[in-house]
């Protein structure tokens, strides 16, 4: 594999990581919107929120941190090529 082929493939992976990050951010935004809708609908001092919502938000945040790390590592690798 030539250096140019490797750069091209790495660029494709970086694009895929960026797309995945964008989807993750959109999912996080939708969960935040859902949380607001549930809280507004209940209009209570202590609204009920499903436990899965908190876990989903935590997982999306963890996924985003991993994606950021992958992007940083790949970008660093790419710059050294």
PDB file of N, CA and C in Angstrom:
ATOM      1  N   UNK A   1       0.860  -1.168   0.000  1.00  0.00           N
ATOM      2  CA  UNK A   1       0.000   0.000   0.000  1.00  0.00           C
ATOM      3  C   UNK A   1       0.910   1.235   0.000  1.00  0.00           C
ATOM      4  N   UNK A   2       0.604   2.143  -0.880  1.00  0.00           N
ATOM      5  CA  UNK A   2       1.408   3.360  -0.957  1.00  0.00           C
ATOM      6  C   UNK A   2       1.000   4.346   0.129  1.00  0.00           C
ATOM      7  N   UNK A   3       1.862   5.299   0.365  1.00  0.00           N
ATOM      8  CA  UNK A   3       1.588   6.331   1.356  1.00  0.00           C
ATOM      9  C   UNK A   3       0.342   7.127   0.964  1.00  0.00           C
ATOM     10  N   UNK A   4       0.182   7.391  -0.311  1.00  0.00           N
ATOM     11  CA  UNK A   4      -0.989   8.135  -0.774  1.00  0.00           C
ATOM     12  C   UNK A   4      -2.270   7.341  -0.548  1.00  0.00           C
ATOM     13  N   UNK A   5      -2.230   6.031  -0.778  1.00  0.00           N
ATOM     14  CA  UNK A   5      -3.400   5.188  -0.515  1.00  0.00           C
ATOM     15  C   UNK A   5      -3.738   5.193   0.971  1.00  0.00           C
ATOM     16  N   UNK A   6      -2.706   5.107   1.808  1.00  0.00           N
ATOM     17  CA  UNK A   6      -2.919   5.127   3.251  1.00  0.00           C
ATOM     18  C   UNK A   6      -3.534   6.447   3.683  1.00  0.00           C
ATOM     19  N   UNK A   7      -3.037   7.547   3.151  1.00  0.00           N
ATOM     20  CA  UNK A   7      -3.609   8.861   3.474  1.00  0.00           C
ATOM     21  C   UNK A   7      -5.069   8.951   3.050  1.00  0.00           C
ATOM     22  N   UNK A   8      -5.363   8.414   1.870  1.00  0.00           N
ATOM     23  CA  UNK A   8      -6.736   8.438   1.360  1.00  0.00           C
ATOM     24  C   UNK A   8      -7.663   7.612   2.266  1.00  0.00           C
ATOM     25  N   UNK A   9      -7.220   6.429   2.638  1.00  0.00           N
ATOM     26  CA  UNK A   9      -8.033   5.579   3.519  1.00  0.00           C
ATOM     27  C   UNK A   9      -8.210   6.225   4.894  1.00  0.00           C
ATOM     28  N   UNK A  10      -7.146   6.814   5.411  1.00  0.00           N
ATOM     29  CA  UNK A  10      -7.221   7.480   6.708  1.00  0.00           C
ATOM     30  C   UNK A  10      -8.170   8.666   6.658  1.00  0.00           C
ATOM     31  N   UNK A  11      -8.159   9.373   5.565  1.00  0.00           N
ATOM     32  CA  UNK A  11      -9.090  10.489   5.388  1.00  0.00           C
ATOM     33  C   UNK A  11     -10.532   9.988   5.401  1.00  0.00           C
ATOM     34  N   UNK A  12     -10.765   8.853   4.762  1.00  0.00           N
ATOM     35  CA  UNK A  12     -12.112   8.263   4.771  1.00  0.00           C
ATOM     36  C   UNK A  12     -12.549   7.857   6.169  1.00  0.00           C
ATOM     37  N   UNK A  13     -11.623   7.305   6.948  1.00  0.00           N
ATOM     38  CA  UNK A  13     -11.945   6.923   8.324  1.00  0.00           C
ATOM     39  C   UNK A  13     -12.254   8.165   9.147  1.00  0.00           C
ATOM     40  N   UNK A  14     -11.467   9.220   8.980  1.00  0.00           N
ATOM     41  CA  UNK A  14     -11.722  10.466   9.703  1.00  0.00           C
ATOM     42  C   UNK A  14     -13.087  11.050   9.335  1.00  0.00           C
ATOM     43  N   UNK A  15     -13.448  10.962   8.077  1.00  0.00           N
ATOM     44  CA  UNK A  15     -14.784  11.426   7.658  1.00  0.00           C
ATOM     45  C   UNK A  15     -15.880  10.605   8.334  1.00  0.00           C
ATOM     46  N   UNK A  16     -15.676   9.291   8.409  1.00  0.00           N
ATOM     47  CA  UNK A  16     -16.669   8.419   9.049  1.00  0.00           C
ATOM     48  C   UNK A  16     -16.774   8.731  10.544  1.00  0.00           C
ATOM     49  N   UNK A  17     -15.649   8.994  11.194  1.00  0.00           N
ATOM     50  CA  UNK A  17     -15.664   9.351  12.610  1.00  0.00           C
ATOM     51  C   UNK A  17     -16.408  10.678  12.798  1.00  0.00           C
ATOM     52  N   UNK A  18     -16.178  11.626  11.915  1.00  0.00           N
ATOM     53  CA  UNK A  18     -16.877  12.912  11.997  1.00  0.00           C
ATOM     54  C   UNK A  18     -18.382  12.722  11.808  1.00  0.00           C
ATOM     55  N   UNK A  19     -18.771  11.892  10.847  1.00  0.00           N
ATOM     56  CA  UNK A  19     -20.194  11.614  10.628  1.00  0.00           C
ATOM     57  C   UNK A  19     -20.816  10.949  11.850  1.00  0.00           C
ATOM     58  N   UNK A  20     -20.099   9.995  12.429  1.00  0.00           N
ATOM     59  CA  UNK A  20     -20.595   9.313  13.617  1.00  0.00           C
ATOM     60  C   UNK A  20     -20.747  10.297  14.771  1.00  0.00           C
ATOM     61  N   UNK A  21     -19.785  11.200  14.913  1.00  0.00           N
ATOM     62  CA  UNK A  21     -19.871  12.226  15.947  1.00  0.00           C
ATOM     63  C   UNK A  21     -21.074  13.128  15.747  1.00  0.00           C
ATOM     64  N   UNK A  22     -21.360  13.464  14.509  1.00  0.00           N
ATOM     65  CA  UNK A  22     -22.524  14.300  14.219  1.00  0.00           C
ATOM     66  C   UNK A  22     -23.818  13.569  14.565  1.00  0.00           C
ATOM     67  N   UNK A  23     -23.886  12.277  14.248  1.00  0.00           N
ATOM     68  CA  UNK A  23     -25.079  11.484  14.597  1.00  0.00           C
ATOM     69  C   UNK A  23     -25.221  11.372  16.111  1.00  0.00           C
ATOM     70  N   UNK A  24     -24.102  11.187  16.795  1.00  0.00           N
ATOM     71  CA  UNK A  24     -24.112  11.097  18.250  1.00  0.00           C
ATOM     72  C   UNK A  24     -24.606  12.414  18.854  1.00  0.00           C
ATOM     73  N   UNK A  25     -24.125  13.524  18.337  1.00  0.00           N
ATOM     74  CA  UNK A  25     -24.549  14.839  18.836  1.00  0.00           C
ATOM     75  C   UNK A  25     -26.047  15.052  18.594  1.00  0.00           C
ATOM     76  N   UNK A  26     -26.538  14.610  17.453  1.00  0.00           N
ATOM     77  CA  UNK A  26     -27.968  14.738  17.160  1.00  0.00           C
ATOM     78  C   UNK A  26     -28.797  13.870  18.105  1.00  0.00           C
ATOM     79  N   UNK A  27     -28.333  12.656  18.375  1.00  0.00           N
ATOM     80  CA  UNK A  27     -29.036  11.786  19.320  1.00  0.00           C
ATOM     81  C   UNK A  27     -29.065  12.430  20.702  1.00  0.00           C
ATOM     82  N   UNK A  28     -27.961  13.030  21.102  1.00  0.00           N
ATOM     83  CA  UNK A  28     -27.890  13.710  22.410  1.00  0.00           C
ATOM     84  C   UNK A  28     -28.868  14.877  22.444  1.00  0.00           C
ATOM     85  N   UNK A  29     -28.943  15.638  21.358  1.00  0.00           N
ATOM     86  CA  UNK A  29     -29.876  16.767  21.283  1.00  0.00           C
ATOM     87  C   UNK A  29     -31.317  16.276  21.388  1.00  0.00           C
ATOM     88  N   UNK A  30     -31.629  15.186  20.699  1.00  0.00           N
ATOM     89  CA  UNK A  30     -32.983  14.636  20.744  1.00  0.00           C
ATOM     90  C   UNK A  30     -33.346  14.139  22.142  1.00  0.00           C
ATOM     91  N   UNK A  31     -32.391  13.516  22.829  1.00  0.00           N
ATOM     92  CA  UNK A  31     -32.660  13.079  24.202  1.00  0.00           C
ATOM     93  C   UNK A  31     -32.871  14.271  25.124  1.00  0.00           C
ATOM     94  N   UNK A  32     -32.105  15.339  24.921  1.00  0.00           N
ATOM     95  CA  UNK A  32     -32.314  16.550  25.719  1.00  0.00           C
ATOM     96  C   UNK A  32     -33.696  17.144  25.446  1.00  0.00           C
ATOM     97  N   UNK A  33     -34.102  17.145  24.172  1.00  0.00           N
ATOM     98  CA  UNK A  33     -35.445  17.621  23.826  1.00  0.00           C
ATOM     99  C   UNK A  33     -36.510  16.759  24.493  1.00  0.00           C
ATOM    100  N   UNK A  34     -36.312  15.445  24.475  1.00  0.00           N
ATOM    101  CA  UNK A  34     -37.252  14.523  25.105  1.00  0.00           C
ATOM    102  C   UNK A  34     -37.363  14.813  26.599  1.00  0.00           C
ATOM    103  N   UNK A  35     -36.221  15.031  27.228  1.00  0.00           N
ATOM    104  CA  UNK A  35     -36.217  15.323  28.658  1.00  0.00           C
ATOM    105  C   UNK A  35     -37.040  16.589  28.941  1.00  0.00           C
ATOM    106  N   UNK A  36     -36.840  17.631  28.135  1.00  0.00           N
ATOM    107  CA  UNK A  36     -37.595  18.876  28.324  1.00  0.00           C
ATOM    108  C   UNK A  36     -39.099  18.649  28.135  1.00  0.00           C
ATOM    109  N   UNK A  37     -39.462  17.866  27.143  1.00  0.00           N
ATOM    110  CA  UNK A  37     -40.871  17.597  26.890  1.00  0.00           C
ATOM    111  C   UNK A  37     -41.497  16.865  28.076  1.00  0.00           C
ATOM    112  N   UNK A  38     -40.806  15.855  28.592  1.00  0.00           N
ATOM    113  CA  UNK A  38     -41.341  15.095  29.725  1.00  0.00           C
ATOM    114  C   UNK A  38     -41.488  16.002  30.940  1.00  0.00           C
ATOM    115  N   UNK A  39     -40.470  16.791  31.235  1.00  0.00           N
ATOM    116  CA  UNK A  39     -40.511  17.676  32.400  1.00  0.00           C
ATOM    117  C   UNK A  39     -41.611  18.719  32.234  1.00  0.00           C
ATOM    118  N   UNK A  40     -41.690  19.324  31.064  1.00  0.00           N
ATOM    119  CA  UNK A  40     -42.729  20.332  30.822  1.00  0.00           C
ATOM    120  C   UNK A  40     -44.127  19.722  30.923  1.00  0.00           C
ATOM    121  N   UNK A  41     -44.290  18.516  30.403  1.00  0.00           N
ATOM    122  CA  UNK A  41     -45.606  17.879  30.418  1.00  0.00           C
ATOM    123  C   UNK A  41     -46.047  17.560  31.845  1.00  0.00           C
ATOM    124  N   UNK A  42     -45.137  17.205  32.664  1.00  0.00           N
ATOM    125  CA  UNK A  42     -45.500  16.842  34.029  1.00  0.00           C
ATOM    126  C   UNK A  42     -45.637  18.063  34.936  1.00  0.00           C
ATOM    127  N   UNK A  43     -44.868  19.101  34.641  1.00  0.00           N
ATOM    128  CA  UNK A  43     -44.946  20.363  35.394  1.00  0.00           C
ATOM    129  C   UNK A  43     -45.007  20.124  36.902  1.00  0.00           C
ATOM    130  N   UNK A  44     -44.090  19.322  37.384  1.00  0.00           N
ATOM    131  CA  UNK A  44     -44.010  19.003  38.804  1.00  0.00           C
ATOM    132  C   UNK A  44     -42.650  19.453  39.331  1.00  0.00           C
ATOM    133  N   UNK A  45     -42.564  19.518  40.626  1.00  0.00           N
ATOM    134  CA  UNK A  45     -41.281  19.850  41.238  1.00  0.00           C
ATOM    135  C   UNK A  45     -40.272  18.725  41.008  1.00  0.00           C
ATOM    136  N   UNK A  46     -40.759  17.489  41.015  1.00  0.00           N
ATOM    137  CA  UNK A  46     -39.887  16.340  40.793  1.00  0.00           C
ATOM    138  C   UNK A  46     -40.494  15.448  39.711  1.00  0.00           C
ATOM    139  N   UNK A  47     -40.284  15.798  38.460  1.00  0.00           N
ATOM    140  CA  UNK A  47     -40.881  15.004  37.382  1.00  0.00           C
ATOM    141  C   UNK A  47     -40.250  13.617  37.302  1.00  0.00           C
ATOM    142  N   UNK A  48     -41.046  12.666  36.835  1.00  0.00           N
ATOM    143  CA  UNK A  48     -40.543  11.321  36.621  1.00  0.00           C
ATOM    144  C   UNK A  48     -39.847  11.272  35.271  1.00  0.00           C
ATOM    145  N   UNK A  49     -38.643  10.767  35.277  1.00  0.00           N
ATOM    146  CA  UNK A  49     -37.909  10.527  34.041  1.00  0.00           C
ATOM    147  C   UNK A  49     -37.463   9.070  34.056  1.00  0.00           C
ATOM    148  N   UNK A  50     -37.596   8.392  32.933  1.00  0.00           N
ATOM    149  CA  UNK A  50     -37.168   6.992  32.906  1.00  0.00           C
ATOM    150  C   UNK A  50     -35.673   6.881  33.182  1.00  0.00           C
ATOM    151  N   UNK A  51     -35.294   5.860  33.930  1.00  0.00           N
ATOM    152  CA  UNK A  51     -33.880   5.642  34.251  1.00  0.00           C
ATOM    153  C   UNK A  51     -33.048   5.445  32.988  1.00  0.00           C
ATOM    154  N   UNK A  52     -33.671   4.893  31.971  1.00  0.00           N
ATOM    155  CA  UNK A  52     -32.953   4.647  30.715  1.00  0.00           C
ATOM    156  C   UNK A  52     -32.476   5.949  30.071  1.00  0.00           C
ATOM    157  N   UNK A  53     -33.198   7.027  30.311  1.00  0.00           N
ATOM    158  CA  UNK A  53     -32.811   8.313  29.712  1.00  0.00           C
ATOM    159  C   UNK A  53     -31.446   8.741  30.227  1.00  0.00           C
ATOM    160  N   UNK A  54     -31.251   8.704  31.519  1.00  0.00           N
ATOM    161  CA  UNK A  54     -29.963   9.090  32.081  1.00  0.00           C
ATOM    162  C   UNK A  54     -28.834   8.202  31.587  1.00  0.00           C
ATOM    163  N   UNK A  55     -29.100   6.901  31.531  1.00  0.00           N
ATOM    164  CA  UNK A  55     -28.076   5.972  31.040  1.00  0.00           C
ATOM    165  C   UNK A  55     -27.773   6.221  29.564  1.00  0.00           C
ATOM    166  N   UNK A  56     -28.798   6.527  28.786  1.00  0.00           N
ATOM    167  CA  UNK A  56     -28.582   6.793  27.358  1.00  0.00           C
ATOM    168  C   UNK A  56     -27.741   8.047  27.166  1.00  0.00           C
ATOM    169  N   UNK A  57     -28.034   9.080  27.942  1.00  0.00           N
ATOM    170  CA  UNK A  57     -27.257  10.323  27.845  1.00  0.00           C
ATOM    171  C   UNK A  57     -25.803  10.061  28.248  1.00  0.00           C
ATOM    172  N   UNK A  58     -25.598   9.324  29.337  1.00  0.00           N
ATOM    173  CA  UNK A  58     -24.237   8.998  29.766  1.00  0.00           C
ATOM    174  C   UNK A  58     -23.498   8.204  28.701  1.00  0.00           C
ATOM    175  N   UNK A  59     -24.194   7.248  28.074  1.00  0.00           N
ATOM    176  CA  UNK A  59     -23.551   6.430  27.039  1.00  0.00           C
ATOM    177  C   UNK A  59     -23.189   7.277  25.826  1.00  0.00           C
ATOM    178  N   UNK A  60     -24.083   8.176  25.429  1.00  0.00           N
ATOM    179  CA  UNK A  60     -23.776   9.045  24.291  1.00  0.00           C
ATOM    180  C   UNK A  60     -22.591   9.955  24.608  1.00  0.00           C
ATOM    181  N   UNK A  61     -22.526  10.466  25.827  1.00  0.00           N
ATOM    182  CA  UNK A  61     -21.389  11.302  26.218  1.00  0.00           C
ATOM    183  C   UNK A  61     -20.089  10.489  26.201  1.00  0.00           C
ATOM    184  N   UNK A  62     -20.162   9.247  26.696  1.00  0.00           N
ATOM    185  CA  UNK A  62     -18.980   8.381  26.673  1.00  0.00           C
ATOM    186  C   UNK A  62     -18.571   8.056  25.237  1.00  0.00           C
ATOM    187  N   UNK A  63     -19.562   7.786  24.393  1.00  0.00           N
ATOM    188  CA  UNK A  63     -19.266   7.518  22.977  1.00  0.00           C
ATOM    189  C   UNK A  63     -18.602   8.729  22.334  1.00  0.00           C
ATOM    190  N   UNK A  64     -19.104   9.923  22.641  1.00  0.00           N
ATOM    191  CA  UNK A  64     -18.528  11.134  22.059  1.00  0.00           C
ATOM    192  C   UNK A  64     -17.092  11.316  22.510  1.00  0.00           C
ATOM    193  N   UNK A  65     -16.810  11.037  23.774  1.00  0.00           N
ATOM    194  CA  UNK A  65     -15.435  11.137  24.270  1.00  0.00           C
ATOM    195  C   UNK A  65     -14.528  10.153  23.528  1.00  0.00           C
ATOM    196  N   UNK A  66     -15.020   8.942  23.294  1.00  0.00           N
ATOM    197  CA  UNK A  66     -14.229   7.953  22.545  1.00  0.00           C
ATOM    198  C   UNK A  66     -14.005   8.414  21.104  1.00  0.00           C
ATOM    199  N   UNK A  67     -15.047   8.931  20.485  1.00  0.00           N
ATOM    200  CA  UNK A  67     -14.916   9.413  19.112  1.00  0.00           C
ATOM    201  C   UNK A  67     -13.915  10.565  19.036  1.00  0.00           C
ATOM    202  N   UNK A  68     -13.950  11.458  20.014  1.00  0.00           N
ATOM    203  CA  UNK A  68     -12.991  12.563  20.050  1.00  0.00           C
ATOM    204  C   UNK A  68     -11.566  12.038  20.164  1.00  0.00           C
ATOM    205  N   UNK A  69     -11.370  11.017  21.001  1.00  0.00           N
ATOM    206  CA  UNK A  69     -10.045  10.420  21.159  1.00  0.00           C
ATOM    207  C   UNK A  69      -9.588   9.766  19.861  1.00  0.00           C
ATOM    208  N   UNK A  70     -10.480   9.018  19.225  1.00  0.00           N
ATOM    209  CA  UNK A  70     -10.147   8.375  17.950  1.00  0.00           C
ATOM    210  C   UNK A  70      -9.784   9.422  16.911  1.00  0.00           C
ATOM    211  N   UNK A  71     -10.589  10.478  16.818  1.00  0.00           N
ATOM    212  CA  UNK A  71     -10.315  11.530  15.841  1.00  0.00           C
ATOM    213  C   UNK A  71      -8.957  12.172  16.114  1.00  0.00           C
ATOM    214  N   UNK A  72      -8.667  12.462  17.380  1.00  0.00           N
ATOM    215  CA  UNK A  72      -7.383  13.078  17.728  1.00  0.00           C
ATOM    216  C   UNK A  72      -6.213  12.162  17.377  1.00  0.00           C
ATOM    217  N   UNK A  73      -6.346  10.870  17.687  1.00  0.00           N
ATOM    218  CA  UNK A  73      -5.279   9.926  17.372  1.00  0.00           C
ATOM    219  C   UNK A  73      -5.071   9.798  15.867  1.00  0.00           C
ATOM    220  N   UNK A  74      -6.166   9.691  15.128  1.00  0.00           N
ATOM    221  CA  UNK A  74      -6.059   9.560  13.669  1.00  0.00           C
ATOM    222  C   UNK A  74      -5.500  10.830  13.034  1.00  0.00           C
ATOM    223  N   UNK A  75      -5.924  11.965  13.532  1.00  0.00           N
ATOM    224  CA  UNK A  75      -5.411  13.238  13.005  1.00  0.00           C
ATOM    225  C   UNK A  75      -3.921  13.363  13.281  1.00  0.00           C
ATOM    226  N   UNK A  76      -3.504  12.967  14.485  1.00  0.00           N
ATOM    227  CA  UNK A  76      -2.092  13.001  14.834  1.00  0.00           C
ATOM    228  C   UNK A  76      -1.299  12.059  13.921  1.00  0.00           C
ATOM    229  N   UNK A  77      -1.838  10.864  13.726  1.00  0.00           N
ATOM    230  CA  UNK A  77      -1.186   9.894  12.840  1.00  0.00           C
ATOM    231  C   UNK A  77      -1.097  10.438  11.421  1.00  0.00           C
ATOM    232  N   UNK A  78      -2.191  11.031  10.967  1.00  0.00           N
ATOM    233  CA  UNK A  78      -2.227  11.569   9.608  1.00  0.00           C
ATOM    234  C   UNK A  78      -1.190  12.677   9.438  1.00  0.00           C
ATOM    235  N   UNK A  79      -1.037  13.516  10.440  1.00  0.00           N
ATOM    236  CA  UNK A  79      -0.095  14.616  10.316  1.00  0.00           C
ATOM    237  C   UNK A  79       1.352  14.134  10.289  1.00  0.00           C
ATOM    238  N   UNK A  80       1.607  12.950  10.844  1.00  0.00           N
ATOM    239  CA  UNK A  80       2.956  12.390  10.819  1.00  0.00           C
ATOM    240  C   UNK A  80       3.278  11.680   9.522  1.00  0.00           C
ATOM    241  N   UNK A  81       2.283  11.415   8.687  1.00  0.00           N
ATOM    242  CA  UNK A  81       2.537  10.717   7.424  1.00  0.00           C
ATOM    243  C   UNK A  81       3.203  11.609   6.419  1.00  0.00           C
TER     244      UNK A  81
END
